[in-house]
Amino acid sequence: MDPRRRLVPDIVTLQAFECAARHSNFTRAAEELNLTQSAVSRQISDLEAQTGMQLFERIRRRVVLSEAGRKFLPDVRRLLQQSEQLMVRAVSAGTSHASLSVATLPTFGSRWLMPRLHRFIDANPEITITIGSRSHPFDFDEEGFDLAIHYGQPVWAHGTCAFLCNEVIVPVASPALLRRTRVERPTDFAAQPLLHVTTRPKLWTEWLEMNGVTADNAYRGSRFDQFSMIIEAAISGIGFALLPKYLIEAELVAGRLEIVFDIPLQTDKSYYVALPEGRQDNVLARAFQAWLLDQVGKPA
């Protein structure tokens, strides 16, 4: 064997290890994999020899993961899952005329992109599209996406960014909360419950200071790590929230949320479409980018 490939894992052997770990029994693992018990035992022995670790402890008729085996198992399961996803994508691409893989910010994807995506699919039925959620920039070569929707500054390692849209952030609340509180001017927020997103903790401070309000108490209130949770909290009347309008289009139309003051917060960050360097001539990615730009400002 080429010494450079000596440490490349055998997927079949890893499957045997994962199955044996799940059952704590080589015989049951063999039955699931349609192998003999001796074949599974041999594969485990080969893996132990390759890694230099004892992965199982033999106790009577059972096999129990060793400490090394317990540490090894999560990485094996992750690799097996990635391998399966790789084959699913390959089979999907092989059975369709064209495929496109898009990464998007989780809340942007669920709240803005999903309600509009049917338009692109209806207009391009021959394209198989895969949507994945990513909260931060990644390496396009490692992830394999054709393009990504990015929030922040137009900076992406080994990628180029094209402007998509600005962000319009406004204070909102449920009709029920507005009925039981008195908020007639920005200074009235000083006595009200405020909702915060942990990844952007200064939003209320910035909005209040923009409106000439001392923000001494701007950090009090409940905190959530996703905009989607803040939206639900605001709908339930827990407090006042500063939210991007594109995330709450349906709630505003349905009256589940109301804009308290139509005074948007101006930020120095925007949304961009990132394309990997070296793949700027991807026709499908360019078409999807053009479609995204055309959707900006249109209702869902």
C-alpha atoms as a PDB file:
ATOM      1  CA  MET A   1       0.000   0.000   0.000  1.00  0.00           C
ATOM      2  CA  ASP A   2       1.155   3.511  -0.783  1.00  0.00           C
ATOM      3  CA  PRO A   3       2.371   4.850   2.609  1.00  0.00           C
ATOM      4  CA  ARG A   4       0.589   8.117   1.870  1.00  0.00           C
ATOM      5  CA  ARG A   5      -2.713   6.238   1.895  1.00  0.00           C
ATOM      6  CA  ARG A   6      -2.043   4.063   4.917  1.00  0.00           C
ATOM      7  CA  LEU A   7      -4.106   6.338   7.166  1.00  0.00           C
ATOM      8  CA  VAL A   8      -6.988   6.841   4.729  1.00  0.00           C
ATOM      9  CA  PRO A   9      -9.958   5.150   6.464  1.00  0.00           C
ATOM     10  CA  ASP A  10     -11.860   2.269   4.902  1.00  0.00           C
ATOM     11  CA  ILE A  11     -15.553   3.224   4.906  1.00  0.00           C
ATOM     12  CA  VAL A  12     -16.653  -0.428   5.169  1.00  0.00           C
ATOM     13  CA  THR A  13     -14.455  -0.927   8.243  1.00  0.00           C
ATOM     14  CA  LEU A  14     -15.773   2.261   9.827  1.00  0.00           C
ATOM     15  CA  GLN A  15     -19.335   1.068   9.191  1.00  0.00           C
ATOM     16  CA  ALA A  16     -18.539  -2.174  10.989  1.00  0.00           C
ATOM     17  CA  PHE A  17     -17.089  -0.258  13.941  1.00  0.00           C
ATOM     18  CA  GLU A  18     -20.104   2.082  14.197  1.00  0.00           C
ATOM     19  CA  CYS A  19     -22.573  -0.778  13.938  1.00  0.00           C
ATOM     20  CA  ALA A  20     -20.752  -2.879  16.539  1.00  0.00           C
ATOM     21  CA  ALA A  21     -20.586   0.125  18.873  1.00  0.00           C
ATOM     22  CA  ARG A  22     -24.302   0.732  18.495  1.00  0.00           C
ATOM     23  CA  HIS A  23     -25.243  -2.884  19.230  1.00  0.00           C
ATOM     24  CA  SER A  24     -22.399  -3.684  21.670  1.00  0.00           C
ATOM     25  CA  ASN A  25     -22.374  -7.000  19.854  1.00  0.00           C
ATOM     26  CA  PHE A  26     -20.408  -8.249  16.827  1.00  0.00           C
ATOM     27  CA  THR A  27     -23.038 -10.848  15.888  1.00  0.00           C
ATOM     28  CA  ARG A  28     -25.856  -8.310  15.688  1.00  0.00           C
ATOM     29  CA  ALA A  29     -23.632  -5.953  13.752  1.00  0.00           C
ATOM     30  CA  ALA A  30     -22.875  -8.783  11.323  1.00  0.00           C
ATOM     31  CA  GLU A  31     -26.594  -9.461  10.852  1.00  0.00           C
ATOM     32  CA  GLU A  32     -27.305  -5.790  10.086  1.00  0.00           C
ATOM     33  CA  LEU A  33     -24.389  -5.583   7.637  1.00  0.00           C
ATOM     34  CA  ASN A  34     -25.142  -8.998   6.084  1.00  0.00           C
ATOM     35  CA  LEU A  35     -21.695 -10.280   7.027  1.00  0.00           C
ATOM     36  CA  THR A  36     -20.379 -13.092   9.169  1.00  0.00           C
ATOM     37  CA  GLN A  37     -19.428 -12.464  12.788  1.00  0.00           C
ATOM     38  CA  SER A  38     -15.825 -13.368  11.994  1.00  0.00           C
ATOM     39  CA  ALA A  39     -15.739 -10.806   9.161  1.00  0.00           C
ATOM     40  CA  VAL A  40     -16.879  -8.019  11.503  1.00  0.00           C
ATOM     41  CA  SER A  41     -14.388  -9.143  14.158  1.00  0.00           C
ATOM     42  CA  ARG A  42     -11.604  -9.106  11.570  1.00  0.00           C
ATOM     43  CA  GLN A  43     -12.557  -5.606  10.383  1.00  0.00           C
ATOM     44  CA  ILE A  44     -12.490  -4.305  13.954  1.00  0.00           C
ATOM     45  CA  SER A  45      -9.091  -5.925  14.511  1.00  0.00           C
ATOM     46  CA  ASP A  46      -7.778  -4.318  11.319  1.00  0.00           C
ATOM     47  CA  LEU A  47      -9.066  -0.916  12.449  1.00  0.00           C
ATOM     48  CA  GLU A  48      -7.467  -1.334  15.870  1.00  0.00           C
ATOM     49  CA  ALA A  49      -4.184  -2.246  14.209  1.00  0.00           C
ATOM     50  CA  GLN A  50      -4.411   0.727  11.876  1.00  0.00           C
ATOM     51  CA  THR A  51      -5.207   3.227  14.644  1.00  0.00           C
ATOM     52  CA  GLY A  52      -3.038   1.648  17.313  1.00  0.00           C
ATOM     53  CA  MET A  53      -5.970   1.817  19.751  1.00  0.00           C
ATOM     54  CA  GLN A  54      -8.013  -0.830  21.510  1.00  0.00           C
ATOM     55  CA  LEU A  55     -11.527   0.229  20.533  1.00  0.00           C
ATOM     56  CA  PHE A  56     -13.530  -2.420  22.395  1.00  0.00           C
ATOM     57  CA  GLU A  57     -13.269  -4.301  25.643  1.00  0.00           C
ATOM     58  CA  ARG A  58     -14.551  -7.876  25.514  1.00  0.00           C
ATOM     59  CA  ILE A  59     -16.771  -8.622  28.512  1.00  0.00           C
ATOM     60  CA  ARG A  60     -18.348 -12.106  28.488  1.00  0.00           C
ATOM     61  CA  ARG A  61     -20.629 -12.202  25.421  1.00  0.00           C
ATOM     62  CA  ARG A  62     -20.661  -8.422  24.972  1.00  0.00           C
ATOM     63  CA  VAL A  63     -18.236  -5.928  23.535  1.00  0.00           C
ATOM     64  CA  VAL A  64     -18.082  -2.529  25.201  1.00  0.00           C
ATOM     65  CA  LEU A  65     -16.441   0.578  23.809  1.00  0.00           C
ATOM     66  CA  SER A  66     -13.167   1.436  25.461  1.00  0.00           C
ATOM     67  CA  GLU A  67     -12.386   5.022  26.436  1.00  0.00           C
ATOM     68  CA  ALA A  68     -10.493   5.399  23.147  1.00  0.00           C
ATOM     69  CA  GLY A  69     -13.458   3.918  21.270  1.00  0.00           C
ATOM     70  CA  ARG A  70     -15.898   6.365  22.868  1.00  0.00           C
ATOM     71  CA  LYS A  71     -13.735   9.290  21.774  1.00  0.00           C
ATOM     72  CA  PHE A  72     -13.340   7.842  18.276  1.00  0.00           C
ATOM     73  CA  LEU A  73     -17.033   7.111  17.660  1.00  0.00           C
ATOM     74  CA  PRO A  74     -18.389  10.676  17.143  1.00  0.00           C
ATOM     75  CA  ASP A  75     -15.811  11.426  14.437  1.00  0.00           C
ATOM     76  CA  VAL A  76     -16.572   8.121  12.715  1.00  0.00           C
ATOM     77  CA  ARG A  77     -20.296   8.859  12.693  1.00  0.00           C
ATOM     78  CA  ARG A  78     -19.632  12.346  11.331  1.00  0.00           C
ATOM     79  CA  LEU A  79     -17.475  10.936   8.531  1.00  0.00           C
ATOM     80  CA  LEU A  80     -20.045   8.294   7.627  1.00  0.00           C
ATOM     81  CA  GLN A  81     -22.771  10.924   7.501  1.00  0.00           C
ATOM     82  CA  GLN A  82     -20.644  13.160   5.290  1.00  0.00           C
ATOM     83  CA  SER A  83     -19.919  10.224   2.991  1.00  0.00           C
ATOM     84  CA  GLU A  84     -23.627   9.472   2.690  1.00  0.00           C
ATOM     85  CA  GLN A  85     -24.408  13.116   1.955  1.00  0.00           C
ATOM     86  CA  LEU A  86     -21.680  13.125  -0.692  1.00  0.00           C
ATOM     87  CA  MET A  87     -23.248  10.165  -2.473  1.00  0.00           C
ATOM     88  CA  VAL A  88     -26.761  11.611  -2.206  1.00  0.00           C
ATOM     89  CA  ARG A  89     -25.554  14.817  -3.857  1.00  0.00           C
ATOM     90  CA  ALA A  90     -23.722  12.853  -6.539  1.00  0.00           C
ATOM     91  CA  VAL A  91     -26.731  10.653  -7.318  1.00  0.00           C
ATOM     92  CA  SER A  92     -29.005  13.703  -7.341  1.00  0.00           C
ATOM     93  CA  ALA A  93     -26.695  15.525  -9.752  1.00  0.00           C
ATOM     94  CA  GLY A  94     -26.450  12.440 -11.936  1.00  0.00           C
ATOM     95  CA  THR A  95     -30.207  12.100 -12.295  1.00  0.00           C
ATOM     96  CA  SER A  96     -30.863  15.773 -13.092  1.00  0.00           C
ATOM     97  CA  HIS A  97     -29.830  18.049 -15.915  1.00  0.00           C
ATOM     98  CA  ALA A  98     -28.245  20.574 -13.559  1.00  0.00           C
ATOM     99  CA  SER A  99     -27.716  21.139  -9.861  1.00  0.00           C
ATOM    100  CA  LEU A 100     -27.043  24.156  -7.683  1.00  0.00           C
ATOM    101  CA  SER A 101     -25.898  24.247  -4.056  1.00  0.00           C
ATOM    102  CA  VAL A 102     -26.604  27.396  -2.026  1.00  0.00           C
ATOM    103  CA  ALA A 103     -25.518  28.336   1.492  1.00  0.00           C
ATOM    104  CA  THR A 104     -27.622  30.846   3.384  1.00  0.00           C
ATOM    105  CA  LEU A 105     -27.844  32.369   6.823  1.00  0.00           C
ATOM    106  CA  PRO A 106     -30.379  30.262   8.761  1.00  0.00           C
ATOM    107  CA  THR A 107     -32.999  32.915   9.541  1.00  0.00           C
ATOM    108  CA  PHE A 108     -32.575  34.696   6.197  1.00  0.00           C
ATOM    109  CA  GLY A 109     -33.110  31.364   4.496  1.00  0.00           C
ATOM    110  CA  SER A 110     -36.227  30.376   6.406  1.00  0.00           C
ATOM    111  CA  ARG A 111     -37.859  33.797   6.629  1.00  0.00           C
ATOM    112  CA  TRP A 112     -36.946  35.479   3.294  1.00  0.00           C
ATOM    113  CA  LEU A 113     -35.590  32.925   0.834  1.00  0.00           C
ATOM    114  CA  MET A 114     -37.971  29.995   1.401  1.00  0.00           C
ATOM    115  CA  PRO A 115     -41.204  31.953   0.756  1.00  0.00           C
ATOM    116  CA  ARG A 116     -39.752  33.054  -2.623  1.00  0.00           C
ATOM    117  CA  LEU A 117     -37.764  30.000  -3.725  1.00  0.00           C
ATOM    118  CA  HIS A 118     -40.738  28.372  -5.468  1.00  0.00           C
ATOM    119  CA  ARG A 119     -40.536  31.129  -8.092  1.00  0.00           C
ATOM    120  CA  PHE A 120     -37.016  30.122  -9.071  1.00  0.00           C
ATOM    121  CA  ILE A 121     -37.899  26.415  -9.059  1.00  0.00           C
ATOM    122  CA  ASP A 122     -41.045  26.993 -11.129  1.00  0.00           C
ATOM    123  CA  ALA A 123     -39.021  28.966 -13.678  1.00  0.00           C
ATOM    124  CA  ASN A 124     -36.179  26.421 -13.716  1.00  0.00           C
ATOM    125  CA  PRO A 125     -37.725  22.953 -13.197  1.00  0.00           C
ATOM    126  CA  GLU A 126     -34.677  21.243 -14.683  1.00  0.00           C
ATOM    127  CA  ILE A 127     -32.420  22.458 -11.853  1.00  0.00           C
ATOM    128  CA  THR A 128     -32.020  20.469  -8.652  1.00  0.00           C
ATOM    129  CA  ILE A 129     -31.298  22.929  -5.859  1.00  0.00           C
ATOM    130  CA  THR A 130     -29.781  22.175  -2.452  1.00  0.00           C
ATOM    131  CA  ILE A 131     -30.001  24.737   0.359  1.00  0.00           C
ATOM    132  CA  GLY A 132     -27.702  24.555   3.376  1.00  0.00           C
ATOM    133  CA  SER A 133     -27.550  26.878   6.386  1.00  0.00           C
ATOM    134  CA  ARG A 134     -24.259  28.444   7.420  1.00  0.00           C
ATOM    135  CA  SER A 135     -23.890  31.226   9.995  1.00  0.00           C
ATOM    136  CA  HIS A 136     -20.320  32.197   9.127  1.00  0.00           C
ATOM    137  CA  PRO A 137     -18.054  32.336   6.056  1.00  0.00           C
ATOM    138  CA  PHE A 138     -16.449  29.020   5.121  1.00  0.00           C
ATOM    139  CA  ASP A 139     -13.979  27.569   2.638  1.00  0.00           C
ATOM    140  CA  PHE A 140     -15.794  27.018  -0.674  1.00  0.00           C
ATOM    141  CA  ASP A 141     -13.347  24.266  -1.638  1.00  0.00           C
ATOM    142  CA  GLU A 142     -14.107  22.290   1.513  1.00  0.00           C
ATOM    143  CA  GLU A 143     -17.877  22.842   1.605  1.00  0.00           C
ATOM    144  CA  GLY A 144     -18.650  22.550  -2.100  1.00  0.00           C
ATOM    145  CA  PHE A 145     -21.327  25.272  -2.313  1.00  0.00           C
ATOM    146  CA  ASP A 146     -21.762  27.177  -5.577  1.00  0.00           C
ATOM    147  CA  LEU A 147     -22.616  30.449  -3.819  1.00  0.00           C
ATOM    148  CA  ALA A 148     -23.477  31.811  -0.387  1.00  0.00           C
ATOM    149  CA  ILE A 149     -25.644  34.569   1.056  1.00  0.00           C
ATOM    150  CA  HIS A 150     -23.481  36.567   3.440  1.00  0.00           C
ATOM    151  CA  TYR A 151     -24.206  39.282   6.031  1.00  0.00           C
ATOM    152  CA  GLY A 152     -21.572  41.774   7.110  1.00  0.00           C
ATOM    153  CA  GLN A 153     -18.854  43.465   5.101  1.00  0.00           C
ATOM    154  CA  PRO A 154     -18.095  42.465   1.477  1.00  0.00           C
ATOM    155  CA  VAL A 155     -15.194  40.251   2.542  1.00  0.00           C
ATOM    156  CA  TRP A 156     -14.869  36.496   1.942  1.00  0.00           C
ATOM    157  CA  ALA A 157     -11.603  34.554   1.829  1.00  0.00           C
ATOM    158  CA  HIS A 158     -11.089  33.117  -1.666  1.00  0.00           C
ATOM    159  CA  GLY A 159     -14.432  34.525  -2.755  1.00  0.00           C
ATOM    160  CA  THR A 160     -15.965  37.662  -4.255  1.00  0.00           C
ATOM    161  CA  CYS A 161     -19.008  39.472  -2.867  1.00  0.00           C
ATOM    162  CA  ALA A 162     -21.767  41.267  -4.779  1.00  0.00           C
ATOM    163  CA  PHE A 163     -24.181  43.591  -2.969  1.00  0.00           C
ATOM    164  CA  LEU A 164     -27.649  42.171  -2.422  1.00  0.00           C
ATOM    165  CA  CYS A 165     -29.506  44.548  -0.096  1.00  0.00           C
ATOM    166  CA  ASN A 166     -29.270  46.758   2.942  1.00  0.00           C
ATOM    167  CA  GLU A 167     -30.837  45.851   6.254  1.00  0.00           C
ATOM    168  CA  VAL A 168     -33.785  47.857   7.618  1.00  0.00           C
ATOM    169  CA  ILE A 169     -34.207  47.351  11.378  1.00  0.00           C
ATOM    170  CA  VAL A 170     -37.278  48.727  13.165  1.00  0.00           C
ATOM    171  CA  PRO A 171     -38.801  48.429  16.661  1.00  0.00           C
ATOM    172  CA  VAL A 172     -41.831  46.143  16.730  1.00  0.00           C
ATOM    173  CA  ALA A 173     -44.244  44.634  19.226  1.00  0.00           C
ATOM    174  CA  SER A 174     -47.389  42.567  19.379  1.00  0.00           C
ATOM    175  CA  PRO A 175     -50.732  44.400  19.285  1.00  0.00           C
ATOM    176  CA  ALA A 176     -51.509  42.991  22.744  1.00  0.00           C
ATOM    177  CA  LEU A 177     -48.339  44.479  24.244  1.00  0.00           C
ATOM    178  CA  LEU A 178     -49.017  47.839  22.624  1.00  0.00           C
ATOM    179  CA  ARG A 179     -52.528  47.880  24.089  1.00  0.00           C
ATOM    180  CA  ARG A 180     -51.309  47.374  27.642  1.00  0.00           C
ATOM    181  CA  THR A 181     -48.296  49.712  27.536  1.00  0.00           C
ATOM    182  CA  ARG A 182     -47.811  53.381  26.813  1.00  0.00           C
ATOM    183  CA  VAL A 183     -45.143  54.046  24.181  1.00  0.00           C
ATOM    184  CA  GLU A 184     -45.628  57.384  22.457  1.00  0.00           C
ATOM    185  CA  ARG A 185     -42.001  58.437  21.944  1.00  0.00           C
ATOM    186  CA  PRO A 186     -38.584  56.681  21.911  1.00  0.00           C
ATOM    187  CA  THR A 187     -37.867  57.758  25.500  1.00  0.00           C
ATOM    188  CA  ASP A 188     -40.800  55.613  26.660  1.00  0.00           C
ATOM    189  CA  PHE A 189     -38.785  52.456  25.932  1.00  0.00           C
ATOM    190  CA  ALA A 190     -36.795  53.156  29.115  1.00  0.00           C
ATOM    191  CA  ALA A 191     -39.543  51.542  31.193  1.00  0.00           C
ATOM    192  CA  GLN A 192     -40.451  48.718  28.807  1.00  0.00           C
ATOM    193  CA  PRO A 193     -39.192  45.104  28.441  1.00  0.00           C
ATOM    194  CA  LEU A 194     -36.664  44.849  25.606  1.00  0.00           C
ATOM    195  CA  LEU A 195     -35.674  41.754  23.644  1.00  0.00           C
ATOM    196  CA  HIS A 196     -32.067  41.237  22.486  1.00  0.00           C
ATOM    197  CA  VAL A 197     -30.246  38.943  20.078  1.00  0.00           C
ATOM    198  CA  THR A 198     -27.002  37.776  21.659  1.00  0.00           C
ATOM    199  CA  THR A 199     -25.008  37.972  18.434  1.00  0.00           C
ATOM    200  CA  ARG A 200     -25.831  41.682  18.053  1.00  0.00           C
ATOM    201  CA  PRO A 201     -26.152  42.980  21.619  1.00  0.00           C
ATOM    202  CA  LYS A 202     -25.832  46.704  20.831  1.00  0.00           C
ATOM    203  CA  LEU A 203     -28.879  47.099  18.566  1.00  0.00           C
ATOM    204  CA  TRP A 204     -31.077  48.764  21.182  1.00  0.00           C
ATOM    205  CA  THR A 205     -28.242  51.020  22.340  1.00  0.00           C
ATOM    206  CA  GLU A 206     -27.589  52.144  18.771  1.00  0.00           C
ATOM    207  CA  TRP A 207     -31.277  52.739  17.973  1.00  0.00           C
ATOM    208  CA  LEU A 208     -31.931  54.699  21.180  1.00  0.00           C
ATOM    209  CA  GLU A 209     -28.806  56.842  20.823  1.00  0.00           C
ATOM    210  CA  MET A 210     -29.712  57.504  17.188  1.00  0.00           C
ATOM    211  CA  ASN A 211     -32.993  58.953  18.521  1.00  0.00           C
ATOM    212  CA  GLY A 212     -31.299  61.070  21.176  1.00  0.00           C
ATOM    213  CA  VAL A 213     -32.144  58.786  24.080  1.00  0.00           C
ATOM    214  CA  THR A 214     -29.620  57.996  26.804  1.00  0.00           C
ATOM    215  CA  ALA A 215     -29.145  54.236  26.608  1.00  0.00           C
ATOM    216  CA  ASP A 216     -28.266  53.535  30.239  1.00  0.00           C
ATOM    217  CA  ASN A 217     -30.843  50.751  30.534  1.00  0.00           C
ATOM    218  CA  ALA A 218     -30.636  49.476  26.960  1.00  0.00           C
ATOM    219  CA  TYR A 219     -29.066  46.131  27.876  1.00  0.00           C
ATOM    220  CA  ARG A 220     -31.751  44.928  30.255  1.00  0.00           C
ATOM    221  CA  GLY A 221     -34.284  42.350  29.156  1.00  0.00           C
ATOM    222  CA  SER A 222     -34.386  38.820  27.758  1.00  0.00           C
ATOM    223  CA  ARG A 223     -31.766  37.506  25.344  1.00  0.00           C
ATOM    224  CA  PHE A 224     -31.990  34.984  22.505  1.00  0.00           C
ATOM    225  CA  ASP A 225     -29.347  33.608  20.155  1.00  0.00           C
ATOM    226  CA  GLN A 226     -31.537  33.565  17.037  1.00  0.00           C
ATOM    227  CA  PHE A 227     -33.738  36.186  15.405  1.00  0.00           C
ATOM    228  CA  SER A 228     -36.340  33.468  14.838  1.00  0.00           C
ATOM    229  CA  MET A 229     -36.754  33.056  18.602  1.00  0.00           C
ATOM    230  CA  ILE A 230     -37.003  36.811  19.161  1.00  0.00           C
ATOM    231  CA  ILE A 231     -39.759  36.992  16.543  1.00  0.00           C
ATOM    232  CA  GLU A 232     -41.812  34.395  18.407  1.00  0.00           C
ATOM    233  CA  ALA A 233     -41.074  36.093  21.735  1.00  0.00           C
ATOM    234  CA  ALA A 234     -42.261  39.431  20.356  1.00  0.00           C
ATOM    235  CA  ILE A 235     -45.427  37.858  18.927  1.00  0.00           C
ATOM    236  CA  SER A 236     -46.216  36.363  22.335  1.00  0.00           C
ATOM    237  CA  GLY A 237     -45.926  39.798  23.931  1.00  0.00           C
ATOM    238  CA  ILE A 238     -42.801  39.214  26.029  1.00  0.00           C
ATOM    239  CA  GLY A 239     -41.288  42.527  24.991  1.00  0.00           C
ATOM    240  CA  PHE A 240     -40.295  45.017  22.299  1.00  0.00           C
ATOM    241  CA  ALA A 241     -37.858  43.844  19.628  1.00  0.00           C
ATOM    242  CA  LEU A 242     -35.616  45.452  17.045  1.00  0.00           C
ATOM    243  CA  LEU A 243     -35.994  43.284  13.948  1.00  0.00           C
ATOM    244  CA  PRO A 244     -35.035  43.411  10.265  1.00  0.00           C
ATOM    245  CA  LYS A 245     -38.200  44.045   8.266  1.00  0.00           C
ATOM    246  CA  TYR A 246     -37.388  41.294   5.753  1.00  0.00           C
ATOM    247  CA  LEU A 247     -37.686  38.727   8.565  1.00  0.00           C
ATOM    248  CA  ILE A 248     -41.172  39.747   9.639  1.00  0.00           C
ATOM    249  CA  GLU A 249     -42.957  40.481   6.364  1.00  0.00           C
ATOM    250  CA  ALA A 250     -45.672  37.877   6.993  1.00  0.00           C
ATOM    251  CA  GLU A 251     -46.167  38.956  10.616  1.00  0.00           C
ATOM    252  CA  LEU A 252     -46.571  42.613   9.635  1.00  0.00           C
ATOM    253  CA  VAL A 253     -49.064  41.800   6.882  1.00  0.00           C
ATOM    254  CA  ALA A 254     -51.076  39.519   9.198  1.00  0.00           C
ATOM    255  CA  GLY A 255     -50.996  42.028  12.054  1.00  0.00           C
ATOM    256  CA  ARG A 256     -49.213  39.707  14.480  1.00  0.00           C
ATOM    257  CA  LEU A 257     -46.535  42.370  14.860  1.00  0.00           C
ATOM    258  CA  GLU A 258     -46.723  46.134  14.461  1.00  0.00           C
ATOM    259  CA  ILE A 259     -43.999  48.702  13.840  1.00  0.00           C
ATOM    260  CA  VAL A 260     -43.882  50.969  16.878  1.00  0.00           C
ATOM    261  CA  PHE A 261     -41.870  53.783  15.258  1.00  0.00           C
ATOM    262  CA  ASP A 262     -41.041  53.684  11.557  1.00  0.00           C
ATOM    263  CA  ILE A 263     -37.523  54.917  12.257  1.00  0.00           C
ATOM    264  CA  PRO A 264     -35.077  52.383  10.774  1.00  0.00           C
ATOM    265  CA  LEU A 265     -31.673  51.789  12.288  1.00  0.00           C
ATOM    266  CA  GLN A 266     -28.891  52.420   9.800  1.00  0.00           C
ATOM    267  CA  THR A 267     -26.097  49.862  10.093  1.00  0.00           C
ATOM    268  CA  ASP A 268     -22.743  49.607   8.347  1.00  0.00           C
ATOM    269  CA  LYS A 269     -23.421  46.006   7.297  1.00  0.00           C
ATOM    270  CA  SER A 270     -25.399  44.595   4.391  1.00  0.00           C
ATOM    271  CA  TYR A 271     -26.266  41.362   2.621  1.00  0.00           C
ATOM    272  CA  TYR A 272     -24.088  40.027  -0.184  1.00  0.00           C
ATOM    273  CA  VAL A 273     -23.920  37.098  -2.559  1.00  0.00           C
ATOM    274  CA  ALA A 274     -20.516  35.416  -2.369  1.00  0.00           C
ATOM    275  CA  LEU A 275     -19.102  33.371  -5.251  1.00  0.00           C
ATOM    276  CA  PRO A 276     -15.934  31.273  -5.022  1.00  0.00           C
ATOM    277  CA  GLU A 277     -12.842  32.511  -6.793  1.00  0.00           C
ATOM    278  CA  GLY A 278     -12.063  30.451  -9.853  1.00  0.00           C
ATOM    279  CA  ARG A 279     -15.728  29.617 -10.408  1.00  0.00           C
ATOM    280  CA  GLN A 280     -16.990  33.009 -11.486  1.00  0.00           C
ATOM    281  CA  ASP A 281     -18.197  31.544 -14.791  1.00  0.00           C
ATOM    282  CA  ASN A 282     -20.721  29.229 -13.115  1.00  0.00           C
ATOM    283  CA  VAL A 283     -23.789  29.959 -15.241  1.00  0.00           C
ATOM    284  CA  LEU A 284     -26.289  28.539 -12.730  1.00  0.00           C
ATOM    285  CA  ALA A 285     -24.786  30.444  -9.821  1.00  0.00           C
ATOM    286  CA  ARG A 286     -24.875  33.666 -11.824  1.00  0.00           C
ATOM    287  CA  ALA A 287     -28.491  33.026 -12.780  1.00  0.00           C
ATOM    288  CA  PHE A 288     -29.453  32.451  -9.149  1.00  0.00           C
ATOM    289  CA  GLN A 289     -27.594  35.593  -8.117  1.00  0.00           C
ATOM    290  CA  ALA A 290     -29.518  37.613 -10.714  1.00  0.00           C
ATOM    291  CA  TRP A 291     -32.778  36.074  -9.499  1.00  0.00           C
ATOM    292  CA  LEU A 292     -31.969  37.010  -5.884  1.00  0.00           C
ATOM    293  CA  LEU A 293     -31.341  40.617  -6.901  1.00  0.00           C
ATOM    294  CA  ASP A 294     -34.644  40.670  -8.783  1.00  0.00           C
ATOM    295  CA  GLN A 295     -36.502  39.459  -5.673  1.00  0.00           C
ATOM    296  CA  VAL A 296     -35.235  42.264  -3.436  1.00  0.00           C
ATOM    297  CA  GLY A 297     -38.126  44.621  -2.716  1.00  0.00           C
ATOM    298  CA  LYS A 298     -40.775  42.220  -4.007  1.00  0.00           C
ATOM    299  CA  PRO A 299     -43.336  40.779  -1.579  1.00  0.00           C
ATOM    300  CA  ALA A 300     -43.119  37.084  -0.739  1.00  0.00           C
END
